[in-house]
Amino acid sequence: MISLKDILYEVLNNYSVEVDLFIDKSTSTYDITNEIRALKGVTIVTIITPEDYVQKTGGSDEYIRLRIKFVTRGEANNMLQQFLDNALATSPGPKEDNIRIQGVKSMKYREKTLKRL
């Protein structure tokens, strides 16, 4: 008898990828990670910034490295592009466009960190 778990593993592909994120220091890291968790397909977001990494003083940016786990039925690279589009999408505001996840200045995937789980 085939279990439900086996069926789901055949239909859904689980992946993990590392992300370099630059955020505004005045924005809460907790809020940003929660917004990333809310993106379609994302299951787990973990902060993995090295402990010995020294933030630049005097700047308005803060560096965070994340590990994002997600599920997809299709190609992983297409899903990664969809995450970027959704996280950095702009929506018309009263005076200017607003980035969907406030405080994110840059979001890039680390080369060769995409892994199927």
N, C-alpha and C. Protein backbone atom coordinates (compact mmCIF):
# COMPACT_ATOMS: atom_id res chain seq x y z
N MET A 1 0.85 -1.18 0.00
CA MET A 1 0.00 0.00 0.00
C MET A 1 0.89 1.24 0.00
N ILE A 2 0.56 2.21 -0.83
CA ILE A 2 1.32 3.45 -0.93
C ILE A 2 0.81 4.42 0.13
N SER A 3 1.76 5.01 0.85
CA SER A 3 1.37 5.95 1.90
C SER A 3 1.19 7.35 1.31
N LEU A 4 0.47 8.18 2.03
CA LEU A 4 0.24 9.56 1.61
C LEU A 4 1.57 10.31 1.52
N LYS A 5 2.47 10.03 2.43
CA LYS A 5 3.79 10.67 2.43
C LYS A 5 4.54 10.38 1.13
N ASP A 6 4.50 9.13 0.66
CA ASP A 6 5.16 8.75 -0.59
C ASP A 6 4.54 9.47 -1.78
N ILE A 7 3.23 9.60 -1.78
CA ILE A 7 2.54 10.29 -2.87
C ILE A 7 2.94 11.77 -2.91
N LEU A 8 2.97 12.40 -1.75
CA LEU A 8 3.34 13.82 -1.70
C LEU A 8 4.78 14.04 -2.15
N TYR A 9 5.69 13.14 -1.80
CA TYR A 9 7.08 13.28 -2.24
C TYR A 9 7.21 13.14 -3.75
N GLU A 10 6.31 12.39 -4.39
CA GLU A 10 6.33 12.27 -5.84
C GLU A 10 5.78 13.51 -6.52
N VAL A 11 4.78 14.15 -5.92
CA VAL A 11 4.11 15.29 -6.53
C VAL A 11 4.85 16.59 -6.23
N LEU A 12 5.26 16.78 -5.00
CA LEU A 12 5.91 18.02 -4.59
C LEU A 12 7.41 17.83 -4.45
N ASN A 13 8.16 18.80 -4.91
CA ASN A 13 9.61 18.78 -4.78
C ASN A 13 10.01 19.77 -3.69
N ASN A 14 10.80 19.31 -2.72
CA ASN A 14 11.27 20.15 -1.62
C ASN A 14 12.68 20.61 -1.93
N TYR A 15 12.94 21.92 -1.76
CA TYR A 15 14.24 22.48 -2.04
C TYR A 15 14.69 23.38 -0.90
N SER A 16 15.99 23.66 -0.88
CA SER A 16 16.59 24.60 0.05
C SER A 16 17.55 25.48 -0.74
N VAL A 17 17.62 26.77 -0.39
CA VAL A 17 18.52 27.70 -1.05
C VAL A 17 18.96 28.75 -0.04
N GLU A 18 20.19 29.26 -0.22
CA GLU A 18 20.68 30.33 0.64
C GLU A 18 20.52 31.67 -0.08
N VAL A 19 20.18 32.69 0.70
CA VAL A 19 19.87 34.01 0.15
C VAL A 19 20.68 35.06 0.89
N ASP A 20 21.27 35.99 0.12
CA ASP A 20 21.91 37.17 0.69
C ASP A 20 20.90 38.30 0.65
N LEU A 21 20.68 38.92 1.79
CA LEU A 21 19.65 39.93 1.91
C LEU A 21 20.25 41.18 2.54
N PHE A 22 20.03 42.32 1.92
CA PHE A 22 20.41 43.60 2.50
C PHE A 22 19.12 44.32 2.86
N ILE A 23 19.03 44.72 4.13
CA ILE A 23 17.81 45.37 4.62
C ILE A 23 18.17 46.70 5.26
N ASP A 24 17.16 47.52 5.43
CA ASP A 24 17.31 48.79 6.12
C ASP A 24 17.43 48.49 7.62
N LYS A 25 18.41 49.09 8.27
CA LYS A 25 18.63 48.82 9.70
C LYS A 25 17.43 49.20 10.56
N SER A 26 16.64 50.15 10.10
CA SER A 26 15.50 50.60 10.91
C SER A 26 14.32 49.63 10.84
N THR A 27 14.41 48.63 9.97
CA THR A 27 13.33 47.66 9.82
C THR A 27 13.62 46.42 10.66
N SER A 28 12.58 45.85 11.22
CA SER A 28 12.71 44.67 12.07
C SER A 28 13.03 43.43 11.23
N THR A 29 14.09 42.72 11.60
CA THR A 29 14.45 41.47 10.93
C THR A 29 13.32 40.45 11.07
N TYR A 30 12.70 40.43 12.22
CA TYR A 30 11.59 39.52 12.49
C TYR A 30 10.45 39.75 11.49
N ASP A 31 10.10 41.02 11.25
CA ASP A 31 9.02 41.34 10.32
C ASP A 31 9.37 40.91 8.90
N ILE A 32 10.61 41.12 8.49
CA ILE A 32 11.02 40.75 7.14
C ILE A 32 10.99 39.23 6.95
N THR A 33 11.51 38.48 7.92
CA THR A 33 11.47 37.02 7.78
C THR A 33 10.04 36.49 7.78
N ASN A 34 9.16 37.12 8.54
CA ASN A 34 7.74 36.72 8.52
C ASN A 34 7.10 37.00 7.16
N GLU A 35 7.45 38.12 6.55
CA GLU A 35 6.92 38.44 5.22
C GLU A 35 7.43 37.45 4.18
N ILE A 36 8.67 37.03 4.31
CA ILE A 36 9.23 36.03 3.37
C ILE A 36 8.51 34.70 3.58
N ARG A 37 8.25 34.35 4.84
CA ARG A 37 7.51 33.11 5.13
C ARG A 37 6.12 33.12 4.50
N ALA A 38 5.57 34.31 4.31
CA ALA A 38 4.22 34.43 3.75
C ALA A 38 4.19 34.25 2.24
N LEU A 39 5.35 34.23 1.57
CA LEU A 39 5.37 34.04 0.13
C LEU A 39 4.90 32.63 -0.22
N LYS A 40 4.16 32.51 -1.30
CA LYS A 40 3.62 31.23 -1.73
C LYS A 40 4.74 30.22 -1.98
N GLY A 41 4.63 29.05 -1.36
CA GLY A 41 5.60 27.97 -1.54
C GLY A 41 6.67 27.90 -0.47
N VAL A 42 6.92 29.00 0.23
CA VAL A 42 7.97 29.01 1.27
C VAL A 42 7.46 28.27 2.49
N THR A 43 8.29 27.36 3.02
CA THR A 43 7.89 26.60 4.20
C THR A 43 8.70 26.99 5.44
N ILE A 44 10.00 27.22 5.28
CA ILE A 44 10.86 27.54 6.43
C ILE A 44 11.85 28.62 6.04
N VAL A 45 12.05 29.60 6.93
CA VAL A 45 13.06 30.65 6.74
C VAL A 45 13.92 30.67 7.99
N THR A 46 15.23 30.47 7.81
CA THR A 46 16.17 30.43 8.93
C THR A 46 17.28 31.44 8.69
N ILE A 47 17.60 32.23 9.71
CA ILE A 47 18.72 33.16 9.61
C ILE A 47 20.01 32.39 9.87
N ILE A 48 20.95 32.45 8.92
CA ILE A 48 22.21 31.70 9.05
C ILE A 48 23.42 32.62 8.87
N THR A 49 23.26 33.91 9.17
CA THR A 49 24.37 34.85 9.06
C THR A 49 25.51 34.36 9.95
N PRO A 50 26.74 34.27 9.39
CA PRO A 50 27.86 33.81 10.22
C PRO A 50 28.05 34.70 11.45
N GLU A 51 28.35 34.08 12.58
CA GLU A 51 28.51 34.84 13.82
C GLU A 51 29.69 35.81 13.76
N ASP A 52 30.71 35.47 12.97
CA ASP A 52 31.89 36.33 12.91
C ASP A 52 31.77 37.43 11.85
N TYR A 53 30.60 37.54 11.19
CA TYR A 53 30.42 38.58 10.18
C TYR A 53 30.26 39.92 10.88
N VAL A 54 31.04 40.92 10.46
CA VAL A 54 31.00 42.24 11.07
C VAL A 54 30.21 43.17 10.16
N GLN A 55 29.14 43.75 10.70
CA GLN A 55 28.33 44.70 9.94
C GLN A 55 29.11 46.00 9.77
N LYS A 56 28.90 46.67 8.64
CA LYS A 56 29.53 47.96 8.40
C LYS A 56 28.93 48.99 9.34
N THR A 57 29.80 49.78 9.97
CA THR A 57 29.31 50.82 10.87
C THR A 57 29.05 52.09 10.08
N GLY A 58 28.05 52.82 10.51
CA GLY A 58 27.73 54.08 9.87
C GLY A 58 26.82 53.95 8.66
N GLY A 59 26.65 52.75 8.15
CA GLY A 59 25.78 52.55 6.99
C GLY A 59 24.33 52.37 7.40
N SER A 60 23.45 52.47 6.43
CA SER A 60 22.03 52.29 6.73
C SER A 60 21.55 50.89 6.39
N ASP A 61 22.46 50.06 5.87
CA ASP A 61 22.11 48.69 5.48
C ASP A 61 22.61 47.67 6.49
N GLU A 62 21.90 46.56 6.57
CA GLU A 62 22.32 45.43 7.38
C GLU A 62 22.27 44.18 6.50
N TYR A 63 23.29 43.32 6.64
CA TYR A 63 23.38 42.10 5.85
C TYR A 63 22.82 40.93 6.65
N ILE A 64 22.01 40.11 5.99
CA ILE A 64 21.48 38.90 6.61
C ILE A 64 21.59 37.78 5.58
N ARG A 65 22.05 36.61 6.01
CA ARG A 65 22.02 35.43 5.14
C ARG A 65 20.91 34.52 5.66
N LEU A 66 20.08 34.06 4.72
CA LEU A 66 18.95 33.21 5.07
C LEU A 66 19.05 31.88 4.36
N ARG A 67 18.47 30.86 4.95
CA ARG A 67 18.22 29.60 4.26
C ARG A 67 16.71 29.49 4.13
N ILE A 68 16.26 29.37 2.88
CA ILE A 68 14.83 29.28 2.61
C ILE A 68 14.53 27.88 2.09
N LYS A 69 13.58 27.22 2.71
CA LYS A 69 13.10 25.93 2.22
C LYS A 69 11.73 26.16 1.60
N PHE A 70 11.51 25.50 0.45
CA PHE A 70 10.26 25.71 -0.25
C PHE A 70 9.85 24.46 -1.01
N VAL A 71 8.58 24.43 -1.41
CA VAL A 71 8.05 23.32 -2.19
C VAL A 71 7.55 23.86 -3.53
N THR A 72 7.65 23.01 -4.55
CA THR A 72 7.16 23.38 -5.87
C THR A 72 6.82 22.12 -6.64
N ARG A 73 5.94 22.26 -7.59
CA ARG A 73 5.63 21.17 -8.50
C ARG A 73 6.46 21.28 -9.76
N GLY A 74 6.91 22.49 -10.05
CA GLY A 74 7.64 22.74 -11.29
C GLY A 74 9.15 22.85 -11.07
N GLU A 75 9.78 23.64 -11.91
CA GLU A 75 11.22 23.85 -11.84
C GLU A 75 11.57 24.78 -10.67
N ALA A 76 12.63 24.44 -9.97
CA ALA A 76 13.04 25.22 -8.81
C ALA A 76 13.48 26.63 -9.21
N ASN A 77 14.20 26.75 -10.33
CA ASN A 77 14.67 28.07 -10.76
C ASN A 77 13.52 29.01 -11.09
N ASN A 78 12.44 28.48 -11.64
CA ASN A 78 11.27 29.31 -11.90
C ASN A 78 10.65 29.80 -10.60
N MET A 79 10.64 28.93 -9.60
CA MET A 79 10.08 29.31 -8.31
C MET A 79 10.95 30.37 -7.64
N LEU A 80 12.27 30.26 -7.77
CA LEU A 80 13.16 31.27 -7.20
C LEU A 80 12.89 32.64 -7.82
N GLN A 81 12.70 32.68 -9.12
CA GLN A 81 12.40 33.95 -9.78
C GLN A 81 11.05 34.49 -9.32
N GLN A 82 10.10 33.60 -9.09
CA GLN A 82 8.80 34.03 -8.59
C GLN A 82 8.93 34.63 -7.19
N PHE A 83 9.79 34.04 -6.33
CA PHE A 83 10.02 34.60 -5.00
C PHE A 83 10.57 36.02 -5.11
N LEU A 84 11.56 36.22 -6.00
CA LEU A 84 12.13 37.56 -6.19
C LEU A 84 11.06 38.53 -6.67
N ASP A 85 10.29 38.11 -7.65
CA ASP A 85 9.24 38.98 -8.19
C ASP A 85 8.23 39.34 -7.12
N ASN A 86 7.84 38.37 -6.30
CA ASN A 86 6.83 38.61 -5.26
C ASN A 86 7.39 39.45 -4.12
N ALA A 87 8.63 39.19 -3.72
CA ALA A 87 9.21 39.92 -2.59
C ALA A 87 9.52 41.36 -2.94
N LEU A 88 9.97 41.58 -4.17
CA LEU A 88 10.39 42.92 -4.57
C LEU A 88 9.36 43.62 -5.46
N ALA A 89 8.18 43.03 -5.59
CA ALA A 89 7.14 43.62 -6.44
C ALA A 89 6.74 44.99 -5.90
N THR A 90 6.39 45.84 -6.82
CA THR A 90 5.93 47.16 -6.42
C THR A 90 4.43 47.26 -6.65
N SER A 91 3.81 48.01 -5.80
CA SER A 91 2.37 48.25 -5.96
C SER A 91 2.16 49.77 -5.90
N PRO A 92 1.29 50.28 -6.73
CA PRO A 92 1.11 51.74 -6.75
C PRO A 92 0.57 52.26 -5.42
N GLY A 93 1.25 53.23 -4.89
CA GLY A 93 0.82 53.87 -3.66
C GLY A 93 0.29 55.26 -3.98
N PRO A 94 -0.08 56.02 -2.96
CA PRO A 94 -0.63 57.35 -3.22
C PRO A 94 0.38 58.29 -3.87
N LYS A 95 1.66 58.17 -3.51
CA LYS A 95 2.67 59.08 -4.06
C LYS A 95 3.72 58.35 -4.88
N GLU A 96 4.04 57.12 -4.52
CA GLU A 96 5.10 56.38 -5.21
C GLU A 96 4.85 54.89 -5.06
N ASP A 97 5.63 54.10 -5.79
CA ASP A 97 5.51 52.65 -5.68
C ASP A 97 6.13 52.17 -4.38
N ASN A 98 5.53 51.15 -3.79
CA ASN A 98 6.04 50.58 -2.54
C ASN A 98 6.48 49.15 -2.78
N ILE A 99 7.64 48.78 -2.25
CA ILE A 99 8.09 47.40 -2.33
C ILE A 99 7.23 46.57 -1.40
N ARG A 100 6.85 45.36 -1.83
CA ARG A 100 5.93 44.52 -1.05
C ARG A 100 6.47 44.25 0.34
N ILE A 101 7.73 43.84 0.45
CA ILE A 101 8.32 43.59 1.76
C ILE A 101 9.14 44.83 2.12
N GLN A 102 8.59 45.64 2.98
CA GLN A 102 9.23 46.89 3.36
C GLN A 102 10.56 46.65 4.06
N GLY A 103 11.57 47.43 3.69
CA GLY A 103 12.88 47.33 4.31
C GLY A 103 13.88 46.50 3.52
N VAL A 104 13.43 45.71 2.55
CA VAL A 104 14.34 44.90 1.74
C VAL A 104 14.95 45.80 0.67
N LYS A 105 16.27 45.87 0.65
CA LYS A 105 16.95 46.68 -0.36
C LYS A 105 17.49 45.82 -1.50
N SER A 106 17.93 44.61 -1.17
CA SER A 106 18.47 43.71 -2.19
C SER A 106 18.28 42.28 -1.71
N MET A 107 17.98 41.40 -2.68
CA MET A 107 17.79 39.98 -2.37
C MET A 107 18.39 39.18 -3.51
N LYS A 108 19.41 38.38 -3.20
CA LYS A 108 20.09 37.58 -4.23
C LYS A 108 20.30 36.16 -3.72
N TYR A 109 20.13 35.21 -4.62
CA TYR A 109 20.37 33.81 -4.27
C TYR A 109 21.84 33.49 -4.42
N ARG A 110 22.39 32.73 -3.47
CA ARG A 110 23.79 32.34 -3.52
C ARG A 110 23.96 31.23 -4.56
N GLU A 111 24.96 31.39 -5.39
CA GLU A 111 25.26 30.40 -6.43
C GLU A 111 25.53 29.02 -5.81
N LYS A 112 25.04 28.00 -6.45
CA LYS A 112 25.30 26.61 -6.10
C LYS A 112 24.81 26.19 -4.71
N THR A 113 23.82 26.90 -4.16
CA THR A 113 23.28 26.49 -2.86
C THR A 113 21.90 25.86 -3.00
N LEU A 114 21.36 25.82 -4.19
CA LEU A 114 20.06 25.19 -4.41
C LEU A 114 20.21 23.69 -4.30
N LYS A 115 19.46 23.09 -3.36
CA LYS A 115 19.54 21.65 -3.13
C LYS A 115 18.15 21.05 -3.03
N ARG A 116 17.98 19.90 -3.63
CA ARG A 116 16.73 19.18 -3.46
C ARG A 116 16.82 18.36 -2.17
N LEU A 117 15.77 18.44 -1.38
CA LEU A 117 15.77 17.73 -0.08
C LEU A 117 15.10 16.39 -0.20
